[in-house]
Amino acid sequence: MFIVVCGVSGVGKSTLIRSLDSNIFTLPRSVTTRLLRPSDPKSEYVFVSHSEFNYLKEHNQLLISQYFHQDQYGILKTDYDDIIKRNKIAIKDIGYEGILQLKEKLKEVPCIYIDSPLDMLEERLRKRGDSYGQIRERFSKIKQELSEFRSVADYEIVNNSSIDAYQTQFQKVLGHIIGGRK
């Protein structure tokens, strides 16, 4: 199974995913052409050039690939295959195009949409180190992204308070999704 967590930048997707039990859930690494952020856990990313990314794509080594804010992102097929062999659940935050690709390729791809008020989003983006220009660019596309994510979501979590409230809602949805699987 591959569970997708989606939502616009800054809603807390990574925070929620990192809080999960690693005996059940595993995060496949992202292959990306974007630059390393100071807040990035290096174990979650493989940073490559555009030519290296295109090589992986051309040689069918990516489960999905997509552009997001002028950078390319993908998931290595070998990472996903390894997660399945270990009888774990893959979970990842993925953009709209990637979600569509996953839903075409895999049987089970429940999608959890995370939402948050815009003022909270802006504050979180600043805290993680995004520049004013990056925040402005992200907000220029936010209405389209909200519509896209809602169109593919199976579940929606709205948070306008604390990370604890988010995590409680998130755990409840995950429990519903995986049911008696583990």
N, C-alpha and C. Protein backbone atom coordinates (compact mmCIF):
# COMPACT_ATOMS: atom_id res chain seq x y z
N MET A 1 0.85 -1.18 0.00
CA MET A 1 0.00 0.00 0.00
C MET A 1 0.89 1.24 0.00
N PHE A 2 0.42 2.27 -0.67
CA PHE A 2 1.11 3.55 -0.71
C PHE A 2 0.10 4.61 -0.31
N ILE A 3 0.31 5.25 0.85
CA ILE A 3 -0.57 6.32 1.31
C ILE A 3 0.06 7.65 0.93
N VAL A 4 -0.75 8.51 0.34
CA VAL A 4 -0.28 9.83 -0.05
C VAL A 4 -0.84 10.87 0.89
N VAL A 5 0.03 11.78 1.31
CA VAL A 5 -0.39 12.94 2.08
C VAL A 5 -0.16 14.13 1.17
N CYS A 6 -1.19 14.95 0.99
CA CYS A 6 -1.05 16.09 0.08
C CYS A 6 -1.59 17.36 0.71
N GLY A 7 -1.16 18.46 0.14
CA GLY A 7 -1.58 19.78 0.59
C GLY A 7 -0.53 20.77 0.15
N VAL A 8 -0.84 22.04 0.25
CA VAL A 8 0.10 23.07 -0.19
C VAL A 8 1.29 23.14 0.76
N SER A 9 2.36 23.79 0.31
CA SER A 9 3.57 23.92 1.11
C SER A 9 3.28 24.59 2.45
N GLY A 10 3.82 23.98 3.52
CA GLY A 10 3.72 24.58 4.83
C GLY A 10 2.59 24.10 5.71
N VAL A 11 1.76 23.17 5.25
CA VAL A 11 0.63 22.73 6.08
C VAL A 11 1.04 21.74 7.16
N GLY A 12 2.23 21.20 7.08
CA GLY A 12 2.70 20.28 8.12
C GLY A 12 2.74 18.83 7.70
N LYS A 13 2.73 18.57 6.41
CA LYS A 13 2.73 17.18 5.91
C LYS A 13 3.95 16.40 6.42
N SER A 14 5.13 16.99 6.27
CA SER A 14 6.36 16.29 6.69
C SER A 14 6.38 16.05 8.19
N THR A 15 5.91 17.01 8.96
CA THR A 15 5.87 16.85 10.42
C THR A 15 4.98 15.67 10.79
N LEU A 16 3.82 15.57 10.16
CA LEU A 16 2.91 14.47 10.45
C LEU A 16 3.53 13.12 10.06
N ILE A 17 4.13 13.06 8.90
CA ILE A 17 4.71 11.80 8.42
C ILE A 17 5.86 11.36 9.31
N ARG A 18 6.71 12.29 9.72
CA ARG A 18 7.87 11.94 10.56
C ARG A 18 7.46 11.44 11.93
N SER A 19 6.23 11.72 12.35
CA SER A 19 5.77 11.30 13.68
C SER A 19 5.28 9.85 13.71
N LEU A 20 5.23 9.20 12.55
CA LEU A 20 4.63 7.87 12.46
C LEU A 20 5.56 6.76 12.94
N ASP A 21 4.96 5.65 13.30
CA ASP A 21 5.68 4.45 13.74
C ASP A 21 6.44 3.85 12.56
N SER A 22 7.76 3.83 12.67
CA SER A 22 8.60 3.32 11.56
C SER A 22 8.52 1.81 11.43
N ASN A 23 7.90 1.12 12.38
CA ASN A 23 7.70 -0.32 12.23
C ASN A 23 6.56 -0.63 11.26
N ILE A 24 5.72 0.36 10.99
CA ILE A 24 4.59 0.18 10.09
C ILE A 24 4.76 0.99 8.81
N PHE A 25 5.16 2.25 8.97
CA PHE A 25 5.25 3.19 7.85
C PHE A 25 6.69 3.50 7.48
N THR A 26 6.93 3.61 6.19
CA THR A 26 8.27 3.98 5.71
C THR A 26 8.13 5.04 4.63
N LEU A 27 9.03 5.98 4.70
CA LEU A 27 9.05 7.09 3.76
C LEU A 27 10.02 6.79 2.62
N PRO A 28 9.50 6.59 1.40
CA PRO A 28 10.43 6.43 0.28
C PRO A 28 11.15 7.75 0.02
N ARG A 29 12.40 7.68 -0.34
CA ARG A 29 13.17 8.89 -0.59
C ARG A 29 12.70 9.59 -1.86
N SER A 30 12.81 10.90 -1.85
CA SER A 30 12.55 11.69 -3.04
C SER A 30 13.86 11.92 -3.77
N VAL A 31 13.81 11.75 -5.07
CA VAL A 31 14.91 12.15 -5.93
C VAL A 31 14.52 13.53 -6.42
N THR A 32 15.38 14.51 -6.26
CA THR A 32 15.01 15.87 -6.65
C THR A 32 16.18 16.66 -7.21
N THR A 33 15.82 17.61 -8.05
CA THR A 33 16.82 18.51 -8.62
C THR A 33 16.88 19.83 -7.84
N ARG A 34 16.05 19.98 -6.81
CA ARG A 34 16.08 21.24 -6.07
C ARG A 34 17.28 21.27 -5.12
N LEU A 35 17.58 22.47 -4.65
CA LEU A 35 18.71 22.64 -3.75
C LEU A 35 18.34 22.19 -2.34
N LEU A 36 19.34 21.75 -1.62
CA LEU A 36 19.18 21.33 -0.23
C LEU A 36 18.79 22.53 0.63
N ARG A 37 17.76 22.35 1.47
CA ARG A 37 17.39 23.36 2.45
C ARG A 37 18.06 23.00 3.77
N PRO A 38 18.36 23.99 4.61
CA PRO A 38 18.96 23.68 5.91
C PRO A 38 18.11 22.73 6.74
N SER A 39 16.78 22.76 6.56
CA SER A 39 15.88 21.93 7.37
C SER A 39 15.67 20.52 6.80
N ASP A 40 16.27 20.21 5.64
CA ASP A 40 16.05 18.91 5.01
C ASP A 40 16.80 17.78 5.71
N PRO A 41 16.07 16.72 6.11
CA PRO A 41 16.77 15.51 6.56
C PRO A 41 17.40 14.84 5.33
N LYS A 42 18.71 14.68 5.34
CA LYS A 42 19.40 14.17 4.17
C LYS A 42 18.98 12.75 3.80
N SER A 43 18.51 11.97 4.78
CA SER A 43 18.10 10.60 4.49
C SER A 43 16.81 10.53 3.68
N GLU A 44 16.07 11.63 3.58
CA GLU A 44 14.80 11.64 2.85
C GLU A 44 14.94 12.04 1.39
N TYR A 45 16.12 12.49 1.00
CA TYR A 45 16.29 13.02 -0.35
C TYR A 45 17.56 12.49 -1.01
N VAL A 46 17.47 12.35 -2.32
CA VAL A 46 18.64 12.13 -3.16
C VAL A 46 18.68 13.34 -4.08
N PHE A 47 19.70 14.18 -3.90
CA PHE A 47 19.82 15.41 -4.69
C PHE A 47 20.65 15.12 -5.92
N VAL A 48 20.07 15.41 -7.09
CA VAL A 48 20.73 15.11 -8.36
C VAL A 48 20.60 16.31 -9.30
N SER A 49 21.40 16.29 -10.34
CA SER A 49 21.30 17.32 -11.38
C SER A 49 20.10 17.00 -12.27
N HIS A 50 19.73 17.95 -13.11
CA HIS A 50 18.63 17.71 -14.06
C HIS A 50 18.99 16.58 -15.03
N SER A 51 20.24 16.52 -15.44
CA SER A 51 20.64 15.45 -16.38
C SER A 51 20.59 14.07 -15.70
N GLU A 52 20.99 14.00 -14.43
CA GLU A 52 20.90 12.73 -13.70
C GLU A 52 19.43 12.31 -13.51
N PHE A 53 18.58 13.28 -13.21
CA PHE A 53 17.16 12.98 -13.05
C PHE A 53 16.58 12.45 -14.36
N ASN A 54 16.91 13.12 -15.44
CA ASN A 54 16.41 12.70 -16.76
C ASN A 54 16.90 11.30 -17.11
N TYR A 55 18.12 10.96 -16.71
CA TYR A 55 18.65 9.61 -16.94
C TYR A 55 17.78 8.58 -16.21
N LEU A 56 17.49 8.84 -14.92
CA LEU A 56 16.65 7.93 -14.13
C LEU A 56 15.28 7.76 -14.78
N LYS A 57 14.73 8.87 -15.24
CA LYS A 57 13.41 8.85 -15.87
C LYS A 57 13.44 8.06 -17.18
N GLU A 58 14.43 8.32 -18.02
CA GLU A 58 14.54 7.65 -19.31
C GLU A 58 14.80 6.16 -19.17
N HIS A 59 15.45 5.76 -18.08
CA HIS A 59 15.75 4.34 -17.86
C HIS A 59 14.74 3.66 -16.93
N ASN A 60 13.54 4.29 -16.81
CA ASN A 60 12.41 3.69 -16.11
C ASN A 60 12.75 3.28 -14.67
N GLN A 61 13.54 4.12 -13.98
CA GLN A 61 13.92 3.83 -12.61
C GLN A 61 13.09 4.60 -11.58
N LEU A 62 12.12 5.38 -12.07
CA LEU A 62 11.29 6.18 -11.18
C LEU A 62 9.85 5.68 -11.19
N LEU A 63 9.26 5.54 -10.01
CA LEU A 63 7.86 5.16 -9.89
C LEU A 63 6.98 6.31 -10.38
N ILE A 64 7.35 7.52 -9.99
CA ILE A 64 6.67 8.73 -10.47
C ILE A 64 7.72 9.79 -10.73
N SER A 65 7.35 10.77 -11.52
CA SER A 65 8.20 11.95 -11.71
C SER A 65 7.30 13.14 -12.01
N GLN A 66 7.70 14.30 -11.53
CA GLN A 66 6.91 15.49 -11.76
C GLN A 66 7.75 16.74 -11.56
N TYR A 67 7.29 17.82 -12.15
CA TYR A 67 7.86 19.14 -11.91
C TYR A 67 7.07 19.81 -10.80
N PHE A 68 7.77 20.53 -9.96
CA PHE A 68 7.12 21.32 -8.91
C PHE A 68 7.98 22.54 -8.66
N HIS A 69 7.43 23.71 -8.95
CA HIS A 69 8.16 24.97 -8.77
C HIS A 69 9.54 24.92 -9.44
N GLN A 70 9.60 24.56 -10.67
CA GLN A 70 10.79 24.52 -11.54
C GLN A 70 11.80 23.43 -11.19
N ASP A 71 11.49 22.58 -10.27
CA ASP A 71 12.38 21.46 -9.96
C ASP A 71 11.66 20.16 -10.26
N GLN A 72 12.45 19.11 -10.44
CA GLN A 72 11.89 17.79 -10.70
C GLN A 72 11.95 16.95 -9.42
N TYR A 73 10.93 16.15 -9.23
CA TYR A 73 10.84 15.24 -8.09
C TYR A 73 10.43 13.87 -8.58
N GLY A 74 10.90 12.85 -7.90
CA GLY A 74 10.50 11.49 -8.24
C GLY A 74 10.70 10.57 -7.06
N ILE A 75 10.25 9.33 -7.22
CA ILE A 75 10.46 8.29 -6.23
C ILE A 75 11.10 7.11 -6.95
N LEU A 76 12.19 6.64 -6.39
CA LEU A 76 12.87 5.49 -6.98
C LEU A 76 12.02 4.23 -6.85
N LYS A 77 11.88 3.50 -7.93
CA LYS A 77 11.14 2.23 -7.89
C LYS A 77 11.76 1.27 -6.88
N THR A 78 13.08 1.27 -6.80
CA THR A 78 13.75 0.34 -5.89
C THR A 78 13.40 0.63 -4.43
N ASP A 79 13.23 1.91 -4.07
CA ASP A 79 12.82 2.25 -2.71
C ASP A 79 11.44 1.70 -2.41
N TYR A 80 10.50 1.91 -3.33
CA TYR A 80 9.14 1.42 -3.13
C TYR A 80 9.11 -0.11 -3.06
N ASP A 81 9.81 -0.76 -3.97
CA ASP A 81 9.86 -2.23 -3.97
C ASP A 81 10.41 -2.77 -2.65
N ASP A 82 11.44 -2.11 -2.11
CA ASP A 82 12.03 -2.53 -0.84
C ASP A 82 11.03 -2.39 0.31
N ILE A 83 10.26 -1.32 0.31
CA ILE A 83 9.25 -1.10 1.35
C ILE A 83 8.21 -2.22 1.32
N ILE A 84 7.76 -2.57 0.14
CA ILE A 84 6.76 -3.63 -0.01
C ILE A 84 7.34 -4.98 0.42
N LYS A 85 8.58 -5.26 0.05
CA LYS A 85 9.22 -6.52 0.45
C LYS A 85 9.31 -6.64 1.96
N ARG A 86 9.47 -5.52 2.66
CA ARG A 86 9.56 -5.52 4.13
C ARG A 86 8.18 -5.48 4.78
N ASN A 87 7.10 -5.59 3.96
CA ASN A 87 5.73 -5.61 4.45
C ASN A 87 5.36 -4.36 5.24
N LYS A 88 5.84 -3.23 4.75
CA LYS A 88 5.53 -1.96 5.38
C LYS A 88 4.64 -1.15 4.45
N ILE A 89 4.15 -0.03 4.95
CA ILE A 89 3.31 0.86 4.17
C ILE A 89 4.13 2.08 3.78
N ALA A 90 4.19 2.35 2.49
CA ALA A 90 4.87 3.55 2.01
C ALA A 90 3.95 4.75 2.25
N ILE A 91 4.53 5.84 2.72
CA ILE A 91 3.76 7.07 2.93
C ILE A 91 4.63 8.24 2.51
N LYS A 92 4.02 9.18 1.81
CA LYS A 92 4.83 10.27 1.25
C LYS A 92 3.92 11.44 0.91
N ASP A 93 4.48 12.65 1.04
CA ASP A 93 3.74 13.79 0.51
C ASP A 93 4.14 13.98 -0.94
N ILE A 94 3.14 14.08 -1.79
CA ILE A 94 3.35 14.09 -3.24
C ILE A 94 2.43 15.15 -3.85
N GLY A 95 2.90 15.75 -4.93
CA GLY A 95 2.11 16.73 -5.66
C GLY A 95 1.04 16.07 -6.52
N TYR A 96 0.20 16.90 -7.05
CA TYR A 96 -0.97 16.45 -7.81
C TYR A 96 -0.62 15.52 -8.97
N GLU A 97 0.31 15.90 -9.82
CA GLU A 97 0.67 15.05 -10.97
C GLU A 97 1.19 13.70 -10.51
N GLY A 98 2.00 13.70 -9.46
CA GLY A 98 2.51 12.44 -8.93
C GLY A 98 1.41 11.55 -8.38
N ILE A 99 0.42 12.17 -7.74
CA ILE A 99 -0.72 11.40 -7.22
C ILE A 99 -1.46 10.71 -8.37
N LEU A 100 -1.69 11.45 -9.43
CA LEU A 100 -2.38 10.85 -10.59
C LEU A 100 -1.57 9.68 -11.15
N GLN A 101 -0.25 9.83 -11.23
CA GLN A 101 0.60 8.74 -11.73
C GLN A 101 0.52 7.53 -10.81
N LEU A 102 0.59 7.76 -9.49
CA LEU A 102 0.51 6.63 -8.55
C LEU A 102 -0.83 5.92 -8.65
N LYS A 103 -1.90 6.67 -8.72
CA LYS A 103 -3.24 6.06 -8.79
C LYS A 103 -3.41 5.25 -10.07
N GLU A 104 -2.68 5.58 -11.12
CA GLU A 104 -2.71 4.78 -12.36
C GLU A 104 -1.92 3.49 -12.22
N LYS A 105 -0.83 3.52 -11.45
CA LYS A 105 0.11 2.39 -11.40
C LYS A 105 -0.16 1.40 -10.27
N LEU A 106 -0.71 1.86 -9.17
CA LEU A 106 -0.85 1.01 -7.98
C LEU A 106 -2.32 0.79 -7.63
N LYS A 107 -2.59 -0.34 -6.96
CA LYS A 107 -3.96 -0.67 -6.55
C LYS A 107 -4.46 0.24 -5.45
N GLU A 108 -3.71 0.30 -4.36
CA GLU A 108 -4.16 1.03 -3.17
C GLU A 108 -3.35 2.31 -2.99
N VAL A 109 -4.00 3.46 -3.21
CA VAL A 109 -3.35 4.75 -3.02
C VAL A 109 -4.34 5.72 -2.34
N PRO A 110 -4.66 5.47 -1.06
CA PRO A 110 -5.50 6.43 -0.37
C PRO A 110 -4.77 7.76 -0.23
N CYS A 111 -5.49 8.84 -0.38
CA CYS A 111 -4.90 10.17 -0.37
C CYS A 111 -5.52 11.01 0.74
N ILE A 112 -4.67 11.55 1.62
CA ILE A 112 -5.12 12.38 2.74
C ILE A 112 -4.72 13.82 2.44
N TYR A 113 -5.71 14.68 2.33
CA TYR A 113 -5.47 16.10 2.07
C TYR A 113 -5.39 16.85 3.39
N ILE A 114 -4.32 17.63 3.56
CA ILE A 114 -4.11 18.43 4.76
C ILE A 114 -4.33 19.90 4.40
N ASP A 115 -5.15 20.58 5.17
CA ASP A 115 -5.45 21.99 4.91
C ASP A 115 -5.13 22.82 6.16
N SER A 116 -4.91 24.11 5.94
CA SER A 116 -4.60 25.02 7.02
C SER A 116 -4.88 26.45 6.56
N PRO A 117 -5.20 27.35 7.48
CA PRO A 117 -5.42 28.75 7.09
C PRO A 117 -4.15 29.35 6.46
N LEU A 118 -4.36 30.27 5.52
CA LEU A 118 -3.25 30.86 4.78
C LEU A 118 -2.25 31.60 5.66
N ASP A 119 -2.71 32.27 6.72
CA ASP A 119 -1.77 32.99 7.57
C ASP A 119 -0.83 32.03 8.30
N MET A 120 -1.34 30.87 8.68
CA MET A 120 -0.49 29.86 9.32
C MET A 120 0.52 29.30 8.31
N LEU A 121 0.09 29.12 7.07
CA LEU A 121 0.98 28.62 6.03
C LEU A 121 2.15 29.57 5.81
N GLU A 122 1.86 30.84 5.70
CA GLU A 122 2.92 31.82 5.46
C GLU A 122 3.93 31.81 6.61
N GLU A 123 3.46 31.75 7.83
CA GLU A 123 4.34 31.73 9.00
C GLU A 123 5.24 30.48 8.98
N ARG A 124 4.66 29.32 8.66
CA ARG A 124 5.44 28.07 8.62
C ARG A 124 6.49 28.11 7.52
N LEU A 125 6.14 28.66 6.35
CA LEU A 125 7.11 28.77 5.25
C LEU A 125 8.27 29.67 5.64
N ARG A 126 7.98 30.75 6.33
CA ARG A 126 9.06 31.64 6.79
C ARG A 126 9.97 30.92 7.77
N LYS A 127 9.36 30.19 8.70
CA LYS A 127 10.14 29.49 9.73
C LYS A 127 11.05 28.42 9.13
N ARG A 128 10.63 27.79 8.05
CA ARG A 128 11.47 26.75 7.46
C ARG A 128 12.55 27.33 6.54
N GLY A 129 12.53 28.65 6.33
CA GLY A 129 13.61 29.29 5.60
C GLY A 129 13.30 29.70 4.18
N ASP A 130 12.03 29.59 3.75
CA ASP A 130 11.68 30.03 2.41
C ASP A 130 11.80 31.55 2.31
N SER A 131 12.29 32.04 1.20
CA SER A 131 12.45 33.47 0.98
C SER A 131 11.10 34.11 0.67
N TYR A 132 11.05 35.42 0.73
CA TYR A 132 9.83 36.15 0.40
C TYR A 132 9.39 35.80 -1.03
N GLY A 133 10.33 35.74 -1.96
CA GLY A 133 10.01 35.41 -3.34
C GLY A 133 9.44 34.01 -3.49
N GLN A 134 10.02 33.05 -2.77
CA GLN A 134 9.51 31.68 -2.81
C GLN A 134 8.09 31.60 -2.25
N ILE A 135 7.85 32.31 -1.16
CA ILE A 135 6.52 32.30 -0.55
C ILE A 135 5.51 32.95 -1.49
N ARG A 136 5.90 34.04 -2.07
CA ARG A 136 5.00 34.74 -3.00
C ARG A 136 4.66 33.85 -4.20
N GLU A 137 5.67 33.14 -4.73
CA GLU A 137 5.43 32.24 -5.86
C GLU A 137 4.47 31.13 -5.47
N ARG A 138 4.67 30.54 -4.31
CA ARG A 138 3.80 29.45 -3.86
C ARG A 138 2.36 29.95 -3.68
N PHE A 139 2.19 31.12 -3.12
CA PHE A 139 0.85 31.65 -2.89
C PHE A 139 0.16 32.03 -4.19
N SER A 140 0.92 32.33 -5.24
CA SER A 140 0.29 32.68 -6.52
C SER A 140 -0.41 31.47 -7.15
N LYS A 141 -0.03 30.28 -6.75
CA LYS A 141 -0.59 29.05 -7.33
C LYS A 141 -1.50 28.31 -6.36
N ILE A 142 -1.73 28.89 -5.21
CA ILE A 142 -2.38 28.15 -4.14
C ILE A 142 -3.83 27.76 -4.45
N LYS A 143 -4.61 28.61 -5.09
CA LYS A 143 -6.01 28.27 -5.39
C LYS A 143 -6.10 27.06 -6.32
N GLN A 144 -5.23 27.02 -7.32
CA GLN A 144 -5.22 25.88 -8.24
C GLN A 144 -4.83 24.61 -7.50
N GLU A 145 -3.78 24.70 -6.66
CA GLU A 145 -3.32 23.53 -5.91
C GLU A 145 -4.41 23.02 -4.97
N LEU A 146 -5.10 23.92 -4.28
CA LEU A 146 -6.17 23.50 -3.37
C LEU A 146 -7.25 22.73 -4.11
N SER A 147 -7.63 23.22 -5.26
CA SER A 147 -8.65 22.55 -6.06
C SER A 147 -8.18 21.18 -6.53
N GLU A 148 -6.93 21.11 -7.00
CA GLU A 148 -6.39 19.83 -7.47
C GLU A 148 -6.33 18.80 -6.36
N PHE A 149 -5.78 19.19 -5.20
CA PHE A 149 -5.65 18.24 -4.10
C PHE A 149 -7.00 17.75 -3.62
N ARG A 150 -7.95 18.64 -3.52
CA ARG A 150 -9.29 18.22 -3.07
C ARG A 150 -9.93 17.25 -4.07
N SER A 151 -9.59 17.40 -5.35
CA SER A 151 -10.20 16.53 -6.36
C SER A 151 -9.70 15.09 -6.29
N VAL A 152 -8.52 14.86 -5.71
CA VAL A 152 -7.98 13.49 -5.64
C VAL A 152 -7.99 12.92 -4.22
N ALA A 153 -8.37 13.74 -3.25
CA ALA A 153 -8.32 13.30 -1.85
C ALA A 153 -9.46 12.36 -1.49
N ASP A 154 -9.12 11.37 -0.70
CA ASP A 154 -10.10 10.45 -0.14
C ASP A 154 -10.49 10.89 1.28
N TYR A 155 -9.62 11.65 1.93
CA TYR A 155 -9.81 12.13 3.30
C TYR A 155 -9.31 13.57 3.36
N GLU A 156 -9.88 14.36 4.27
CA GLU A 156 -9.43 15.74 4.45
C GLU A 156 -9.29 16.04 5.93
N ILE A 157 -8.17 16.65 6.27
CA ILE A 157 -7.91 17.08 7.64
C ILE A 157 -7.68 18.58 7.60
N VAL A 158 -8.43 19.31 8.42
CA VAL A 158 -8.27 20.76 8.50
C VAL A 158 -7.74 21.10 9.87
N ASN A 159 -6.69 21.91 9.89
CA ASN A 159 -6.11 22.31 11.16
C ASN A 159 -6.00 23.82 11.22
N ASN A 160 -6.52 24.39 12.27
CA ASN A 160 -6.33 25.81 12.50
C ASN A 160 -5.83 26.07 13.91
N SER A 161 -5.25 25.02 14.49
CA SER A 161 -4.73 25.20 15.85
C SER A 161 -3.35 24.57 15.98
N SER A 162 -3.23 23.52 16.77
CA SER A 162 -1.93 22.97 17.13
C SER A 162 -1.56 21.73 16.32
N ILE A 163 -0.26 21.40 16.35
CA ILE A 163 0.22 20.18 15.70
C ILE A 163 -0.37 18.95 16.40
N ASP A 164 -0.64 19.06 17.70
CA ASP A 164 -1.25 17.93 18.42
C ASP A 164 -2.63 17.60 17.86
N ALA A 165 -3.41 18.64 17.55
CA ALA A 165 -4.75 18.42 16.98
C ALA A 165 -4.63 17.77 15.61
N TYR A 166 -3.64 18.22 14.82
CA TYR A 166 -3.37 17.62 13.51
C TYR A 166 -3.05 16.14 13.66
N GLN A 167 -2.13 15.85 14.57
CA GLN A 167 -1.68 14.47 14.73
C GLN A 167 -2.80 13.55 15.19
N THR A 168 -3.68 14.03 16.05
CA THR A 168 -4.81 13.23 16.49
C THR A 168 -5.72 12.90 15.31
N GLN A 169 -6.04 13.90 14.51
CA GLN A 169 -6.88 13.67 13.33
C GLN A 169 -6.19 12.73 12.34
N PHE A 170 -4.90 12.95 12.14
CA PHE A 170 -4.10 12.15 11.19
C PHE A 170 -4.08 10.69 11.61
N GLN A 171 -3.84 10.42 12.89
CA GLN A 171 -3.82 9.04 13.39
C GLN A 171 -5.18 8.37 13.22
N LYS A 172 -6.23 9.11 13.43
CA LYS A 172 -7.58 8.57 13.27
C LYS A 172 -7.83 8.15 11.81
N VAL A 173 -7.45 9.01 10.87
CA VAL A 173 -7.62 8.70 9.45
C VAL A 173 -6.76 7.50 9.06
N LEU A 174 -5.51 7.47 9.52
CA LEU A 174 -4.63 6.33 9.20
C LEU A 174 -5.19 5.03 9.75
N GLY A 175 -5.73 5.08 10.97
CA GLY A 175 -6.35 3.90 11.55
C GLY A 175 -7.49 3.39 10.69
N HIS A 176 -8.27 4.30 10.17
CA HIS A 176 -9.37 3.92 9.28
C HIS A 176 -8.84 3.28 7.99
N ILE A 177 -7.78 3.88 7.43
CA ILE A 177 -7.23 3.39 6.17
C ILE A 177 -6.65 1.99 6.31
N ILE A 178 -5.82 1.81 7.32
CA ILE A 178 -5.13 0.51 7.40
C ILE A 178 -5.96 -0.53 8.14
N GLY A 179 -6.96 -0.08 8.88
CA GLY A 179 -7.88 -1.02 9.54
C GLY A 179 -7.15 -2.11 10.27
N GLY A 180 -7.45 -3.33 9.98
CA GLY A 180 -6.83 -4.46 10.65
C GLY A 180 -5.58 -4.96 9.96
N ARG A 181 -5.02 -4.19 9.03
CA ARG A 181 -3.85 -4.66 8.26
C ARG A 181 -2.68 -5.01 9.15
N LYS A 182 -2.43 -4.22 10.19
CA LYS A 182 -1.28 -4.46 11.06
C LYS A 182 -1.74 -4.53 12.49
